[in-house]
Amino acid sequence: MRYIFLVLFMIVLGGCSSLPLNSSLLPVASQAMEPTLGMTRPQVAALMTRTVTVGYEIDPVTGEAKPLEAKSLYSTEVVPVGNETYLVDSYIIGVPLPGHPVTASGLMPMIFKDDLLCGKGRDALAALKAGRQ
């Protein structure tokens, strides 16, 4: 009888526990909203631009932590390759740890030619800068 109550008790408490949220379990919405080649720059900006919390400021009087927010568009760069000119918008996709700068691994470059998305990602940007695209 004690074992039955123990099993029932474990089942009831099992409903109270939760697993940590894993971002790899949430790609369904983000994949559906992922920029695709041929999209215009405003269309990509509409999908990629969001507000990112980059840190917190502590109010010295109240002690409250207020978020410091920035837009996810981190930089825009003009890349000339031969006679062609490309525009590269880099978006923050990984929020850096507190006290650490944004690194290349936390950015997603979006490459535009004539206002159309023609490449995305660090590999595409490296190939472009090497003159292979």
N, C-alpha and C. Protein backbone atom coordinates (compact mmCIF):
# COMPACT_ATOMS: atom_id res chain seq x y z
N MET A 1 0.82 -1.19 0.00
CA MET A 1 0.00 0.00 0.00
C MET A 1 0.86 1.26 0.00
N ARG A 2 1.96 1.21 0.79
CA ARG A 2 2.84 2.36 0.82
C ARG A 2 3.45 2.63 -0.55
N TYR A 3 3.77 1.57 -1.27
CA TYR A 3 4.38 1.73 -2.59
C TYR A 3 3.41 2.37 -3.58
N ILE A 4 2.14 2.04 -3.46
CA ILE A 4 1.13 2.64 -4.34
C ILE A 4 1.05 4.14 -4.08
N PHE A 5 1.02 4.53 -2.79
CA PHE A 5 0.98 5.95 -2.46
C PHE A 5 2.26 6.67 -2.91
N LEU A 6 3.39 5.98 -2.78
CA LEU A 6 4.65 6.56 -3.20
C LEU A 6 4.66 6.81 -4.70
N VAL A 7 4.19 5.85 -5.47
CA VAL A 7 4.13 6.01 -6.93
C VAL A 7 3.17 7.13 -7.30
N LEU A 8 1.99 7.16 -6.69
CA LEU A 8 1.02 8.23 -6.96
C LEU A 8 1.59 9.59 -6.59
N PHE A 9 2.28 9.65 -5.45
CA PHE A 9 2.89 10.90 -5.00
C PHE A 9 3.95 11.38 -6.00
N MET A 10 4.74 10.47 -6.53
CA MET A 10 5.77 10.81 -7.51
C MET A 10 5.13 11.29 -8.81
N ILE A 11 4.04 10.68 -9.21
CA ILE A 11 3.36 11.11 -10.44
C ILE A 11 2.79 12.51 -10.27
N VAL A 12 2.18 12.77 -9.12
CA VAL A 12 1.61 14.09 -8.87
C VAL A 12 2.71 15.15 -8.85
N LEU A 13 3.81 14.88 -8.16
CA LEU A 13 4.90 15.85 -8.12
C LEU A 13 5.62 15.96 -9.46
N GLY A 14 5.58 14.93 -10.25
CA GLY A 14 6.20 14.98 -11.57
C GLY A 14 5.57 16.05 -12.44
N GLY A 15 4.29 16.33 -12.26
CA GLY A 15 3.62 17.38 -13.01
C GLY A 15 4.07 18.76 -12.61
N CYS A 16 4.67 18.90 -11.43
CA CYS A 16 5.14 20.21 -10.97
C CYS A 16 6.53 20.53 -11.49
N SER A 17 7.25 19.53 -11.93
CA SER A 17 8.61 19.79 -12.41
C SER A 17 8.56 20.23 -13.86
N SER A 18 9.59 20.93 -14.26
CA SER A 18 9.68 21.35 -15.65
C SER A 18 11.12 21.25 -16.10
N LEU A 19 11.30 21.04 -17.38
CA LEU A 19 12.62 20.97 -17.96
C LEU A 19 13.04 22.36 -18.40
N PRO A 20 14.32 22.65 -18.40
CA PRO A 20 14.75 23.96 -18.88
C PRO A 20 14.39 24.13 -20.35
N LEU A 21 14.01 25.34 -20.71
CA LEU A 21 13.62 25.63 -22.07
C LEU A 21 14.85 25.59 -22.96
N ASN A 22 14.80 24.79 -23.99
CA ASN A 22 15.91 24.64 -24.91
C ASN A 22 15.55 25.35 -26.20
N SER A 23 16.37 26.33 -26.62
CA SER A 23 16.04 27.08 -27.83
C SER A 23 16.03 26.20 -29.06
N SER A 24 16.72 25.04 -29.02
CA SER A 24 16.69 24.17 -30.17
C SER A 24 15.33 23.50 -30.34
N LEU A 25 14.49 23.61 -29.32
CA LEU A 25 13.16 23.05 -29.43
C LEU A 25 12.16 24.04 -30.02
N LEU A 26 12.59 25.29 -30.24
CA LEU A 26 11.69 26.33 -30.69
C LEU A 26 11.92 26.83 -32.11
N PRO A 27 12.56 26.08 -33.00
CA PRO A 27 12.87 26.67 -34.29
C PRO A 27 11.69 26.73 -35.25
N VAL A 28 10.56 26.14 -34.91
CA VAL A 28 9.45 26.05 -35.85
C VAL A 28 9.01 27.44 -36.30
N ALA A 29 8.75 28.35 -35.37
CA ALA A 29 8.30 29.68 -35.75
C ALA A 29 9.42 30.45 -36.43
N SER A 30 10.66 30.32 -35.92
CA SER A 30 11.74 31.09 -36.51
C SER A 30 12.10 30.59 -37.90
N GLN A 31 11.99 29.28 -38.16
CA GLN A 31 12.27 28.78 -39.48
C GLN A 31 11.22 29.24 -40.48
N ALA A 32 9.98 29.32 -40.04
CA ALA A 32 8.93 29.77 -40.92
C ALA A 32 9.13 31.24 -41.26
N MET A 33 9.78 31.98 -40.39
CA MET A 33 9.98 33.41 -40.58
C MET A 33 11.42 33.71 -41.03
N GLU A 34 12.14 32.72 -41.49
CA GLU A 34 13.53 32.92 -41.89
C GLU A 34 13.61 33.58 -43.26
N PRO A 35 14.49 34.57 -43.42
CA PRO A 35 14.63 35.22 -44.72
C PRO A 35 15.08 34.23 -45.80
N THR A 36 14.56 34.39 -46.99
CA THR A 36 14.93 33.53 -48.11
C THR A 36 15.54 34.38 -49.21
N LEU A 37 16.39 33.77 -50.01
CA LEU A 37 17.04 34.48 -51.09
C LEU A 37 15.99 35.07 -52.02
N GLY A 38 16.26 36.29 -52.48
CA GLY A 38 15.34 36.99 -53.36
C GLY A 38 14.44 37.98 -52.65
N MET A 39 14.41 37.93 -51.32
CA MET A 39 13.60 38.90 -50.56
C MET A 39 14.25 40.27 -50.66
N THR A 40 13.44 41.32 -50.56
CA THR A 40 13.97 42.67 -50.57
C THR A 40 14.56 43.01 -49.20
N ARG A 41 15.37 44.05 -49.18
CA ARG A 41 15.98 44.47 -47.91
C ARG A 41 14.93 44.87 -46.87
N PRO A 42 13.87 45.61 -47.22
CA PRO A 42 12.83 45.91 -46.23
C PRO A 42 12.10 44.66 -45.72
N GLN A 43 11.91 43.66 -46.58
CA GLN A 43 11.27 42.42 -46.13
C GLN A 43 12.16 41.69 -45.12
N VAL A 44 13.45 41.63 -45.40
CA VAL A 44 14.39 40.99 -44.47
C VAL A 44 14.43 41.76 -43.16
N ALA A 45 14.47 43.09 -43.24
CA ALA A 45 14.51 43.91 -42.03
C ALA A 45 13.26 43.69 -41.18
N ALA A 46 12.11 43.52 -41.84
CA ALA A 46 10.87 43.28 -41.09
C ALA A 46 10.94 41.95 -40.34
N LEU A 47 11.61 40.96 -40.90
CA LEU A 47 11.72 39.66 -40.23
C LEU A 47 12.81 39.64 -39.17
N MET A 48 13.91 40.32 -39.43
CA MET A 48 15.08 40.20 -38.56
C MET A 48 15.16 41.25 -37.46
N THR A 49 14.56 42.42 -37.67
CA THR A 49 14.69 43.48 -36.69
C THR A 49 13.82 43.20 -35.49
N ARG A 50 14.45 43.21 -34.35
CA ARG A 50 13.75 43.05 -33.08
C ARG A 50 14.55 43.78 -32.02
N THR A 51 13.97 43.93 -30.87
CA THR A 51 14.67 44.57 -29.77
C THR A 51 15.38 43.50 -28.96
N VAL A 52 16.66 43.73 -28.68
CA VAL A 52 17.49 42.77 -27.95
C VAL A 52 17.93 43.42 -26.65
N THR A 53 17.76 42.71 -25.54
CA THR A 53 18.26 43.20 -24.25
C THR A 53 19.74 42.89 -24.19
N VAL A 54 20.56 43.94 -24.10
CA VAL A 54 22.01 43.77 -24.11
C VAL A 54 22.64 43.95 -22.73
N GLY A 55 21.83 44.29 -21.75
CA GLY A 55 22.35 44.45 -20.40
C GLY A 55 21.29 45.06 -19.50
N TYR A 56 21.70 45.39 -18.30
CA TYR A 56 20.78 45.98 -17.33
C TYR A 56 21.45 47.13 -16.63
N GLU A 57 20.66 48.12 -16.30
CA GLU A 57 21.14 49.28 -15.55
C GLU A 57 20.45 49.24 -14.20
N ILE A 58 21.21 49.34 -13.13
CA ILE A 58 20.66 49.31 -11.78
C ILE A 58 20.38 50.74 -11.33
N ASP A 59 19.15 51.00 -10.96
CA ASP A 59 18.76 52.30 -10.43
C ASP A 59 19.37 52.42 -9.04
N PRO A 60 20.23 53.43 -8.79
CA PRO A 60 20.91 53.54 -7.50
C PRO A 60 19.96 53.83 -6.34
N VAL A 61 18.81 54.41 -6.62
CA VAL A 61 17.87 54.76 -5.56
C VAL A 61 17.00 53.56 -5.19
N THR A 62 16.38 52.95 -6.21
CA THR A 62 15.43 51.86 -5.93
C THR A 62 16.08 50.48 -5.98
N GLY A 63 17.23 50.37 -6.65
CA GLY A 63 17.86 49.06 -6.79
C GLY A 63 17.25 48.22 -7.89
N GLU A 64 16.28 48.79 -8.63
CA GLU A 64 15.63 48.05 -9.72
C GLU A 64 16.57 47.91 -10.90
N ALA A 65 16.48 46.76 -11.54
CA ALA A 65 17.25 46.52 -12.77
C ALA A 65 16.37 46.88 -13.96
N LYS A 66 16.84 47.82 -14.76
CA LYS A 66 16.11 48.22 -15.95
C LYS A 66 16.88 47.71 -17.17
N PRO A 67 16.19 47.05 -18.10
CA PRO A 67 16.90 46.51 -19.26
C PRO A 67 17.43 47.60 -20.19
N LEU A 68 18.62 47.36 -20.72
CA LEU A 68 19.20 48.21 -21.76
C LEU A 68 18.94 47.48 -23.07
N GLU A 69 18.21 48.12 -23.97
CA GLU A 69 17.80 47.45 -25.20
C GLU A 69 18.41 48.11 -26.42
N ALA A 70 18.62 47.31 -27.45
CA ALA A 70 19.15 47.80 -28.73
C ALA A 70 18.43 47.06 -29.84
N LYS A 71 18.44 47.63 -31.01
CA LYS A 71 17.88 46.95 -32.18
C LYS A 71 18.85 45.87 -32.62
N SER A 72 18.32 44.83 -33.25
CA SER A 72 19.17 43.70 -33.63
C SER A 72 20.04 43.99 -34.84
N LEU A 73 19.78 45.06 -35.61
CA LEU A 73 20.69 45.42 -36.70
C LEU A 73 21.95 45.99 -36.08
N TYR A 74 23.04 45.26 -36.21
CA TYR A 74 24.29 45.63 -35.54
C TYR A 74 25.15 46.54 -36.41
N SER A 75 25.25 46.20 -37.70
CA SER A 75 26.09 47.01 -38.58
C SER A 75 25.64 46.86 -40.03
N THR A 76 26.03 47.84 -40.83
CA THR A 76 25.81 47.80 -42.27
C THR A 76 27.14 48.12 -42.92
N GLU A 77 27.49 47.33 -43.94
CA GLU A 77 28.80 47.45 -44.56
C GLU A 77 28.64 47.40 -46.08
N VAL A 78 29.39 48.22 -46.79
CA VAL A 78 29.41 48.18 -48.26
C VAL A 78 30.64 47.36 -48.66
N VAL A 79 30.41 46.32 -49.49
CA VAL A 79 31.50 45.45 -49.91
C VAL A 79 31.62 45.51 -51.43
N PRO A 80 32.66 46.17 -51.94
CA PRO A 80 32.87 46.17 -53.40
C PRO A 80 33.60 44.90 -53.82
N VAL A 81 33.09 44.25 -54.87
CA VAL A 81 33.73 43.07 -55.44
C VAL A 81 33.78 43.29 -56.94
N GLY A 82 34.96 43.57 -57.46
CA GLY A 82 35.09 43.88 -58.88
C GLY A 82 34.29 45.13 -59.20
N ASN A 83 33.41 45.04 -60.19
CA ASN A 83 32.55 46.16 -60.57
C ASN A 83 31.23 46.15 -59.81
N GLU A 84 31.02 45.18 -58.99
CA GLU A 84 29.76 45.03 -58.25
C GLU A 84 29.91 45.61 -56.85
N THR A 85 28.80 46.09 -56.31
CA THR A 85 28.77 46.58 -54.93
C THR A 85 27.68 45.86 -54.17
N TYR A 86 28.02 45.29 -53.02
CA TYR A 86 27.09 44.57 -52.18
C TYR A 86 26.90 45.32 -50.87
N LEU A 87 25.73 45.20 -50.31
CA LEU A 87 25.42 45.79 -49.02
C LEU A 87 25.21 44.65 -48.04
N VAL A 88 25.89 44.69 -46.91
CA VAL A 88 25.80 43.61 -45.92
C VAL A 88 25.24 44.18 -44.62
N ASP A 89 24.08 43.69 -44.23
CA ASP A 89 23.49 44.03 -42.93
C ASP A 89 23.76 42.87 -41.99
N SER A 90 24.36 43.14 -40.84
CA SER A 90 24.63 42.09 -39.86
C SER A 90 23.68 42.26 -38.68
N TYR A 91 22.94 41.20 -38.38
CA TYR A 91 21.95 41.22 -37.30
C TYR A 91 22.45 40.39 -36.12
N ILE A 92 22.15 40.86 -34.91
CA ILE A 92 22.49 40.12 -33.70
C ILE A 92 21.53 38.94 -33.60
N ILE A 93 22.08 37.74 -33.55
CA ILE A 93 21.23 36.55 -33.36
C ILE A 93 21.54 35.85 -32.05
N GLY A 94 22.66 36.15 -31.45
CA GLY A 94 23.03 35.58 -30.16
C GLY A 94 23.41 36.70 -29.21
N VAL A 95 22.71 36.81 -28.12
CA VAL A 95 22.99 37.87 -27.15
C VAL A 95 24.25 37.49 -26.38
N PRO A 96 25.25 38.39 -26.34
CA PRO A 96 26.49 38.07 -25.65
C PRO A 96 26.30 37.97 -24.14
N LEU A 97 27.21 37.27 -23.50
CA LEU A 97 27.19 37.18 -22.05
C LEU A 97 27.47 38.56 -21.46
N PRO A 98 26.98 38.83 -20.26
CA PRO A 98 27.23 40.14 -19.65
C PRO A 98 28.73 40.44 -19.59
N GLY A 99 29.07 41.64 -20.02
CA GLY A 99 30.47 42.07 -20.00
C GLY A 99 31.27 41.64 -21.21
N HIS A 100 30.67 40.90 -22.12
CA HIS A 100 31.38 40.44 -23.31
C HIS A 100 30.86 41.18 -24.54
N PRO A 101 31.73 41.44 -25.50
CA PRO A 101 31.29 42.14 -26.71
C PRO A 101 30.54 41.21 -27.66
N VAL A 102 29.83 41.80 -28.60
CA VAL A 102 29.19 41.02 -29.66
C VAL A 102 30.31 40.49 -30.55
N THR A 103 30.28 39.21 -30.84
CA THR A 103 31.31 38.60 -31.68
C THR A 103 30.70 38.18 -33.01
N ALA A 104 31.56 37.82 -33.94
CA ALA A 104 31.09 37.39 -35.27
C ALA A 104 30.16 36.19 -35.18
N SER A 105 30.39 35.31 -34.20
CA SER A 105 29.53 34.13 -34.07
C SER A 105 28.13 34.49 -33.61
N GLY A 106 27.96 35.68 -33.05
CA GLY A 106 26.65 36.13 -32.61
C GLY A 106 25.93 36.98 -33.64
N LEU A 107 26.51 37.09 -34.85
CA LEU A 107 25.93 37.90 -35.91
C LEU A 107 25.52 37.05 -37.11
N MET A 108 24.47 37.48 -37.80
CA MET A 108 24.05 36.82 -39.04
C MET A 108 24.12 37.86 -40.15
N PRO A 109 25.12 37.75 -41.04
CA PRO A 109 25.21 38.69 -42.15
C PRO A 109 24.16 38.36 -43.22
N MET A 110 23.51 39.40 -43.73
CA MET A 110 22.56 39.31 -44.84
C MET A 110 23.14 40.12 -45.98
N ILE A 111 23.37 39.49 -47.13
CA ILE A 111 24.05 40.13 -48.26
C ILE A 111 23.03 40.52 -49.32
N PHE A 112 23.06 41.79 -49.72
CA PHE A 112 22.12 42.32 -50.70
C PHE A 112 22.85 42.85 -51.92
N LYS A 113 22.28 42.58 -53.08
CA LYS A 113 22.73 43.18 -54.32
C LYS A 113 21.49 43.71 -55.01
N ASP A 114 21.52 44.98 -55.36
CA ASP A 114 20.36 45.64 -55.97
C ASP A 114 19.12 45.48 -55.10
N ASP A 115 19.29 45.61 -53.78
CA ASP A 115 18.21 45.55 -52.79
C ASP A 115 17.54 44.19 -52.66
N LEU A 116 18.14 43.13 -53.20
CA LEU A 116 17.61 41.77 -53.07
C LEU A 116 18.60 40.91 -52.30
N LEU A 117 18.09 40.07 -51.42
CA LEU A 117 18.94 39.16 -50.64
C LEU A 117 19.55 38.12 -51.57
N CYS A 118 20.89 38.12 -51.64
CA CYS A 118 21.56 37.16 -52.52
C CYS A 118 22.45 36.19 -51.75
N GLY A 119 22.56 36.38 -50.45
CA GLY A 119 23.36 35.46 -49.64
C GLY A 119 23.15 35.77 -48.17
N LYS A 120 23.40 34.78 -47.33
CA LYS A 120 23.28 35.00 -45.88
C LYS A 120 24.22 34.06 -45.16
N GLY A 121 24.71 34.52 -44.04
CA GLY A 121 25.60 33.72 -43.22
C GLY A 121 27.06 34.11 -43.37
N ARG A 122 27.86 33.66 -42.41
CA ARG A 122 29.28 34.01 -42.40
C ARG A 122 30.04 33.38 -43.56
N ASP A 123 29.65 32.16 -43.95
CA ASP A 123 30.34 31.51 -45.07
C ASP A 123 30.11 32.27 -46.37
N ALA A 124 28.87 32.71 -46.59
CA ALA A 124 28.56 33.48 -47.80
C ALA A 124 29.32 34.80 -47.80
N LEU A 125 29.44 35.44 -46.64
CA LEU A 125 30.18 36.70 -46.56
C LEU A 125 31.66 36.48 -46.81
N ALA A 126 32.22 35.41 -46.27
CA ALA A 126 33.63 35.11 -46.49
C ALA A 126 33.89 34.83 -47.97
N ALA A 127 32.97 34.10 -48.61
CA ALA A 127 33.12 33.81 -50.05
C ALA A 127 33.02 35.10 -50.85
N LEU A 128 32.12 35.97 -50.48
CA LEU A 128 31.96 37.26 -51.17
C LEU A 128 33.23 38.09 -51.06
N LYS A 129 33.77 38.18 -49.86
CA LYS A 129 34.97 38.98 -49.65
C LYS A 129 36.19 38.36 -50.34
N ALA A 130 36.16 37.07 -50.55
CA ALA A 130 37.24 36.41 -51.27
C ALA A 130 37.08 36.58 -52.77
N GLY A 131 35.94 37.17 -53.19
CA GLY A 131 35.71 37.43 -54.60
C GLY A 131 35.18 36.25 -55.38
N ARG A 132 34.65 35.24 -54.67
CA ARG A 132 34.16 34.03 -55.34
C ARG A 132 32.68 34.08 -55.64
N GLN A 133 32.00 35.15 -55.30
CA GLN A 133 30.55 35.17 -55.52
C GLN A 133 30.20 36.15 -56.60
